[in-house]
């Protein structure tokens, strides 16, 4: 998955969790600056904080 796809997935699971929100916001900014890999990492962190590492969407997004 590319950064944009992971960000969309993280938005789907967005919660009021401040850590998840901060990572998602950071991922969007990184993508705007063209920092694709860092945007992916931050979007994955957002998913991790909102749904956890065992959620199927996190597992799908974290595969290379």
PDB file of N, CA and C in Angstrom:
ATOM      1  N   UNK A   1       0.846  -1.186   0.000  1.00  0.00           N
ATOM      2  CA  UNK A   1       0.000   0.000   0.000  1.00  0.00           C
ATOM      3  C   UNK A   1       0.886   1.243   0.000  1.00  0.00           C
ATOM      4  N   UNK A   2       0.431   2.256  -0.691  1.00  0.00           N
ATOM      5  CA  UNK A   2       1.190   3.503  -0.673  1.00  0.00           C
ATOM      6  C   UNK A   2       0.715   4.380   0.493  1.00  0.00           C
ATOM      7  N   UNK A   3       1.399   5.475   0.708  1.00  0.00           N
ATOM      8  CA  UNK A   3       1.108   6.342   1.849  1.00  0.00           C
ATOM      9  C   UNK A   3      -0.317   6.878   1.813  1.00  0.00           C
ATOM     10  N   UNK A   4      -0.770   7.261   0.640  1.00  0.00           N
ATOM     11  CA  UNK A   4      -2.119   7.812   0.506  1.00  0.00           C
ATOM     12  C   UNK A   4      -3.184   6.783   0.907  1.00  0.00           C
ATOM     13  N   UNK A   5      -2.999   5.541   0.495  1.00  0.00           N
ATOM     14  CA  UNK A   5      -3.943   4.473   0.851  1.00  0.00           C
ATOM     15  C   UNK A   5      -3.963   4.221   2.357  1.00  0.00           C
ATOM     16  N   UNK A   6      -2.792   4.235   2.969  1.00  0.00           N
ATOM     17  CA  UNK A   6      -2.713   3.987   4.411  1.00  0.00           C
ATOM     18  C   UNK A   6      -3.331   5.151   5.171  1.00  0.00           C
ATOM     19  N   UNK A   7      -3.135   6.364   4.686  1.00  0.00           N
ATOM     20  CA  UNK A   7      -3.745   7.532   5.328  1.00  0.00           C
ATOM     21  C   UNK A   7      -5.264   7.425   5.265  1.00  0.00           C
ATOM     22  N   UNK A   8      -5.794   7.030   4.111  1.00  0.00           N
ATOM     23  CA  UNK A   8      -7.248   6.856   3.981  1.00  0.00           C
ATOM     24  C   UNK A   8      -7.762   5.793   4.940  1.00  0.00           C
ATOM     25  N   UNK A   9      -7.012   4.730   5.098  1.00  0.00           N
ATOM     26  CA  UNK A   9      -7.393   3.667   6.020  1.00  0.00           C
ATOM     27  C   UNK A   9      -7.355   4.173   7.466  1.00  0.00           C
ATOM     28  N   UNK A  10      -6.342   4.956   7.796  1.00  0.00           N
ATOM     29  CA  UNK A  10      -6.236   5.523   9.141  1.00  0.00           C
ATOM     30  C   UNK A  10      -7.381   6.500   9.402  1.00  0.00           C
ATOM     31  N   UNK A  11      -7.785   7.249   8.391  1.00  0.00           N
ATOM     32  CA  UNK A  11      -8.915   8.172   8.545  1.00  0.00           C
ATOM     33  C   UNK A  11     -10.203   7.409   8.827  1.00  0.00           C
ATOM     34  N   UNK A  12     -10.335   6.250   8.224  1.00  0.00           N
ATOM     35  CA  UNK A  12     -11.513   5.409   8.439  1.00  0.00           C
ATOM     36  C   UNK A  12     -11.639   4.994   9.909  1.00  0.00           C
ATOM     37  N   UNK A  13     -10.505   4.771  10.552  1.00  0.00           N
ATOM     38  CA  UNK A  13     -10.490   4.314  11.941  1.00  0.00           C
ATOM     39  C   UNK A  13     -10.177   5.437  12.923  1.00  0.00           C
ATOM     40  N   UNK A  14     -10.184   6.656  12.438  1.00  0.00           N
ATOM     41  CA  UNK A  14      -9.810   7.792  13.276  1.00  0.00           C
ATOM     42  C   UNK A  14     -10.670   7.861  14.530  1.00  0.00           C
ATOM     43  N   UNK A  15     -10.019   8.092  15.630  1.00  0.00           N
ATOM     44  CA  UNK A  15     -10.703   8.259  16.914  1.00  0.00           C
ATOM     45  C   UNK A  15     -10.250   9.574  17.528  1.00  0.00           C
ATOM     46  N   UNK A  16     -10.739   9.857  18.684  1.00  0.00           N
ATOM     47  CA  UNK A  16     -10.306  11.068  19.388  1.00  0.00           C
ATOM     48  C   UNK A  16      -9.022  10.848  20.172  1.00  0.00           C
ATOM     49  N   UNK A  17      -8.400   9.700  19.969  1.00  0.00           N
ATOM     50  CA  UNK A  17      -7.128   9.404  20.600  1.00  0.00           C
ATOM     51  C   UNK A  17      -6.105  10.429  20.105  1.00  0.00           C
ATOM     52  N   UNK A  18      -5.534  11.180  21.009  1.00  0.00           N
ATOM     53  CA  UNK A  18      -4.643  12.266  20.591  1.00  0.00           C
ATOM     54  C   UNK A  18      -3.399  11.755  19.872  1.00  0.00           C
ATOM     55  N   UNK A  19      -2.886  10.603  20.261  1.00  0.00           N
ATOM     56  CA  UNK A  19      -1.703  10.062  19.600  1.00  0.00           C
ATOM     57  C   UNK A  19      -2.025   9.664  18.164  1.00  0.00           C
ATOM     58  N   UNK A  20      -3.160   9.011  17.963  1.00  0.00           N
ATOM     59  CA  UNK A  20      -3.572   8.603  16.623  1.00  0.00           C
ATOM     60  C   UNK A  20      -3.807   9.830  15.751  1.00  0.00           C
ATOM     61  N   UNK A  21      -4.454  10.830  16.306  1.00  0.00           N
ATOM     62  CA  UNK A  21      -4.729  12.049  15.541  1.00  0.00           C
ATOM     63  C   UNK A  21      -3.437  12.765  15.167  1.00  0.00           C
ATOM     64  N   UNK A  22      -2.512  12.870  16.098  1.00  0.00           N
ATOM     65  CA  UNK A  22      -1.245  13.554  15.831  1.00  0.00           C
ATOM     66  C   UNK A  22      -0.477  12.846  14.721  1.00  0.00           C
ATOM     67  N   UNK A  23      -0.409  11.527  14.775  1.00  0.00           N
ATOM     68  CA  UNK A  23       0.295  10.769  13.737  1.00  0.00           C
ATOM     69  C   UNK A  23      -0.368  10.942  12.375  1.00  0.00           C
ATOM     70  N   UNK A  24      -1.688  10.919  12.349  1.00  0.00           N
ATOM     71  CA  UNK A  24      -2.410  11.090  11.089  1.00  0.00           C
ATOM     72  C   UNK A  24      -2.169  12.480  10.507  1.00  0.00           C
ATOM     73  N   UNK A  25      -2.209  13.473  11.352  1.00  0.00           N
ATOM     74  CA  UNK A  25      -1.949  14.843  10.913  1.00  0.00           C
ATOM     75  C   UNK A  25      -0.528  14.969  10.364  1.00  0.00           C
ATOM     76  N   UNK A  26       0.413  14.378  11.052  1.00  0.00           N
ATOM     77  CA  UNK A  26       1.803  14.400  10.617  1.00  0.00           C
ATOM     78  C   UNK A  26       1.969  13.669   9.286  1.00  0.00           C
ATOM     79  N   UNK A  27       1.282  12.538   9.124  1.00  0.00           N
ATOM     80  CA  UNK A  27       1.355  11.773   7.878  1.00  0.00           C
ATOM     81  C   UNK A  27       0.864  12.604   6.699  1.00  0.00           C
ATOM     82  N   UNK A  28      -0.219  13.332   6.896  1.00  0.00           N
ATOM     83  CA  UNK A  28      -0.749  14.185   5.817  1.00  0.00           C
ATOM     84  C   UNK A  28       0.263  15.258   5.413  1.00  0.00           C
ATOM     85  N   UNK A  29       0.877  15.888   6.419  1.00  0.00           N
ATOM     86  CA  UNK A  29       1.865  16.935   6.144  1.00  0.00           C
ATOM     87  C   UNK A  29       3.077  16.372   5.412  1.00  0.00           C
ATOM     88  N   UNK A  30       3.519  15.187   5.831  1.00  0.00           N
ATOM     89  CA  UNK A  30       4.667  14.558   5.175  1.00  0.00           C
ATOM     90  C   UNK A  30       4.355  14.243   3.720  1.00  0.00           C
ATOM     91  N   UNK A  31       3.153  13.745   3.466  1.00  0.00           N
ATOM     92  CA  UNK A  31       2.762  13.424   2.104  1.00  0.00           C
ATOM     93  C   UNK A  31       2.736  14.684   1.241  1.00  0.00           C
ATOM     94  N   UNK A  32       2.254  15.787   1.796  1.00  0.00           N
ATOM     95  CA  UNK A  32       2.235  17.055   1.063  1.00  0.00           C
ATOM     96  C   UNK A  32       3.643  17.517   0.693  1.00  0.00           C
ATOM     97  N   UNK A  33       4.614  17.217   1.564  1.00  0.00           N
ATOM     98  CA  UNK A  33       6.007  17.607   1.307  1.00  0.00           C
ATOM     99  C   UNK A  33       6.734  16.598   0.418  1.00  0.00           C
ATOM    100  N   UNK A  34       6.040  15.506   0.061  1.00  0.00           N
ATOM    101  CA  UNK A  34       6.649  14.502  -0.798  1.00  0.00           C
ATOM    102  C   UNK A  34       7.465  13.461  -0.063  1.00  0.00           C
ATOM    103  N   UNK A  35       7.324  13.407   1.235  1.00  0.00           N
ATOM    104  CA  UNK A  35       8.057  12.441   2.052  1.00  0.00           C
ATOM    105  C   UNK A  35       7.224  11.168   2.208  1.00  0.00           C
ATOM    106  N   UNK A  36       7.150  10.396   1.142  1.00  0.00           N
ATOM    107  CA  UNK A  36       6.278   9.219   1.054  1.00  0.00           C
ATOM    108  C   UNK A  36       6.553   8.187   2.153  1.00  0.00           C
ATOM    109  N   UNK A  37       7.809   7.820   2.338  1.00  0.00           N
ATOM    110  CA  UNK A  37       8.127   6.768   3.317  1.00  0.00           C
ATOM    111  C   UNK A  37       7.803   7.195   4.748  1.00  0.00           C
ATOM    112  N   UNK A  38       8.138   8.431   5.088  1.00  0.00           N
ATOM    113  CA  UNK A  38       7.837   8.895   6.439  1.00  0.00           C
ATOM    114  C   UNK A  38       6.327   9.032   6.632  1.00  0.00           C
ATOM    115  N   UNK A  39       5.620   9.430   5.586  1.00  0.00           N
ATOM    116  CA  UNK A  39       4.158   9.527   5.661  1.00  0.00           C
ATOM    117  C   UNK A  39       3.558   8.154   5.936  1.00  0.00           C
ATOM    118  N   UNK A  40       4.093   7.116   5.284  1.00  0.00           N
ATOM    119  CA  UNK A  40       3.613   5.751   5.520  1.00  0.00           C
ATOM    120  C   UNK A  40       3.835   5.341   6.973  1.00  0.00           C
ATOM    121  N   UNK A  41       5.009   5.638   7.493  1.00  0.00           N
ATOM    122  CA  UNK A  41       5.323   5.282   8.884  1.00  0.00           C
ATOM    123  C   UNK A  41       4.385   5.975   9.860  1.00  0.00           C
ATOM    124  N   UNK A  42       4.127   7.255   9.626  1.00  0.00           N
ATOM    125  CA  UNK A  42       3.261   8.006  10.547  1.00  0.00           C
ATOM    126  C   UNK A  42       1.810   7.537  10.438  1.00  0.00           C
ATOM    127  N   UNK A  43       1.360   7.199   9.229  1.00  0.00           N
ATOM    128  CA  UNK A  43       0.001   6.687   9.051  1.00  0.00           C
ATOM    129  C   UNK A  43      -0.140   5.321   9.711  1.00  0.00           C
ATOM    130  N   UNK A  44       0.888   4.493   9.609  1.00  0.00           N
ATOM    131  CA  UNK A  44       0.866   3.196  10.293  1.00  0.00           C
ATOM    132  C   UNK A  44       0.823   3.377  11.806  1.00  0.00           C
ATOM    133  N   UNK A  45       1.560   4.353  12.299  1.00  0.00           N
ATOM    134  CA  UNK A  45       1.508   4.639  13.737  1.00  0.00           C
ATOM    135  C   UNK A  45       0.104   5.054  14.153  1.00  0.00           C
ATOM    136  N   UNK A  46      -0.553   5.850  13.331  1.00  0.00           N
ATOM    137  CA  UNK A  46      -1.919   6.264  13.630  1.00  0.00           C
ATOM    138  C   UNK A  46      -2.839   5.046  13.724  1.00  0.00           C
ATOM    139  N   UNK A  47      -2.708   4.146  12.764  1.00  0.00           N
ATOM    140  CA  UNK A  47      -3.504   2.910  12.814  1.00  0.00           C
ATOM    141  C   UNK A  47      -3.181   2.094  14.053  1.00  0.00           C
ATOM    142  N   UNK A  48      -1.912   2.010  14.376  1.00  0.00           N
ATOM    143  CA  UNK A  48      -1.492   1.257  15.552  1.00  0.00           C
ATOM    144  C   UNK A  48      -2.151   1.801  16.816  1.00  0.00           C
ATOM    145  N   UNK A  49      -2.171   3.119  16.958  1.00  0.00           N
ATOM    146  CA  UNK A  49      -2.789   3.731  18.129  1.00  0.00           C
ATOM    147  C   UNK A  49      -4.307   3.609  18.140  1.00  0.00           C
ATOM    148  N   UNK A  50      -4.930   3.593  16.960  1.00  0.00           N
ATOM    149  CA  UNK A  50      -6.391   3.576  16.932  1.00  0.00           C
ATOM    150  C   UNK A  50      -6.989   2.173  16.941  1.00  0.00           C
ATOM    151  N   UNK A  51      -6.346   1.207  16.265  1.00  0.00           N
ATOM    152  CA  UNK A  51      -6.954  -0.132  16.199  1.00  0.00           C
ATOM    153  C   UNK A  51      -6.086  -1.240  16.776  1.00  0.00           C
ATOM    154  N   UNK A  52      -4.788  -1.020  16.873  1.00  0.00           N
ATOM    155  CA  UNK A  52      -3.899  -2.032  17.428  1.00  0.00           C
ATOM    156  C   UNK A  52      -3.240  -2.889  16.358  1.00  0.00           C
ATOM    157  N   UNK A  53      -2.168  -3.565  16.755  1.00  0.00           N
ATOM    158  CA  UNK A  53      -1.352  -4.312  15.799  1.00  0.00           C
ATOM    159  C   UNK A  53      -1.977  -5.604  15.302  1.00  0.00           C
ATOM    160  N   UNK A  54      -3.014  -6.088  15.944  1.00  0.00           N
ATOM    161  CA  UNK A  54      -3.631  -7.336  15.517  1.00  0.00           C
ATOM    162  C   UNK A  54      -4.869  -7.131  14.647  1.00  0.00           C
ATOM    163  N   UNK A  55      -5.220  -5.890  14.406  1.00  0.00           N
ATOM    164  CA  UNK A  55      -6.385  -5.591  13.562  1.00  0.00           C
ATOM    165  C   UNK A  55      -6.032  -5.907  12.100  1.00  0.00           C
ATOM    166  N   UNK A  56      -6.964  -6.515  11.367  1.00  0.00           N
ATOM    167  CA  UNK A  56      -6.683  -6.882   9.965  1.00  0.00           C
ATOM    168  C   UNK A  56      -6.244  -5.706   9.090  1.00  0.00           C
ATOM    169  N   UNK A  57      -6.790  -4.517   9.316  1.00  0.00           N
ATOM    170  CA  UNK A  57      -6.396  -3.360   8.501  1.00  0.00           C
ATOM    171  C   UNK A  57      -4.955  -2.952   8.789  1.00  0.00           C
ATOM    172  N   UNK A  58      -4.528  -3.029  10.041  1.00  0.00           N
ATOM    173  CA  UNK A  58      -3.141  -2.695  10.366  1.00  0.00           C
ATOM    174  C   UNK A  58      -2.207  -3.717   9.724  1.00  0.00           C
ATOM    175  N   UNK A  59      -2.575  -4.979   9.837  1.00  0.00           N
ATOM    176  CA  UNK A  59      -1.735  -6.035   9.264  1.00  0.00           C
ATOM    177  C   UNK A  59      -1.611  -5.855   7.754  1.00  0.00           C
ATOM    178  N   UNK A  60      -2.735  -5.577   7.084  1.00  0.00           N
ATOM    179  CA  UNK A  60      -2.734  -5.377   5.643  1.00  0.00           C
ATOM    180  C   UNK A  60      -1.854  -4.176   5.260  1.00  0.00           C
ATOM    181  N   UNK A  61      -1.980  -3.087   5.986  1.00  0.00           N
ATOM    182  CA  UNK A  61      -1.249  -1.865   5.663  1.00  0.00           C
ATOM    183  C   UNK A  61       0.241  -1.990   5.960  1.00  0.00           C
ATOM    184  N   UNK A  62       0.603  -2.818   6.918  1.00  0.00           N
ATOM    185  CA  UNK A  62       2.011  -2.909   7.311  1.00  0.00           C
ATOM    186  C   UNK A  62       2.822  -3.870   6.457  1.00  0.00           C
ATOM    187  N   UNK A  63       2.160  -4.616   5.573  1.00  0.00           N
ATOM    188  CA  UNK A  63       2.906  -5.523   4.691  1.00  0.00           C
ATOM    189  C   UNK A  63       3.639  -4.717   3.631  1.00  0.00           C
ATOM    190  N   UNK A  64       4.869  -5.139   3.327  1.00  0.00           N
ATOM    191  CA  UNK A  64       5.661  -4.411   2.313  1.00  0.00           C
ATOM    192  C   UNK A  64       5.066  -4.448   0.922  1.00  0.00           C
TER     193      UNK A  64
END
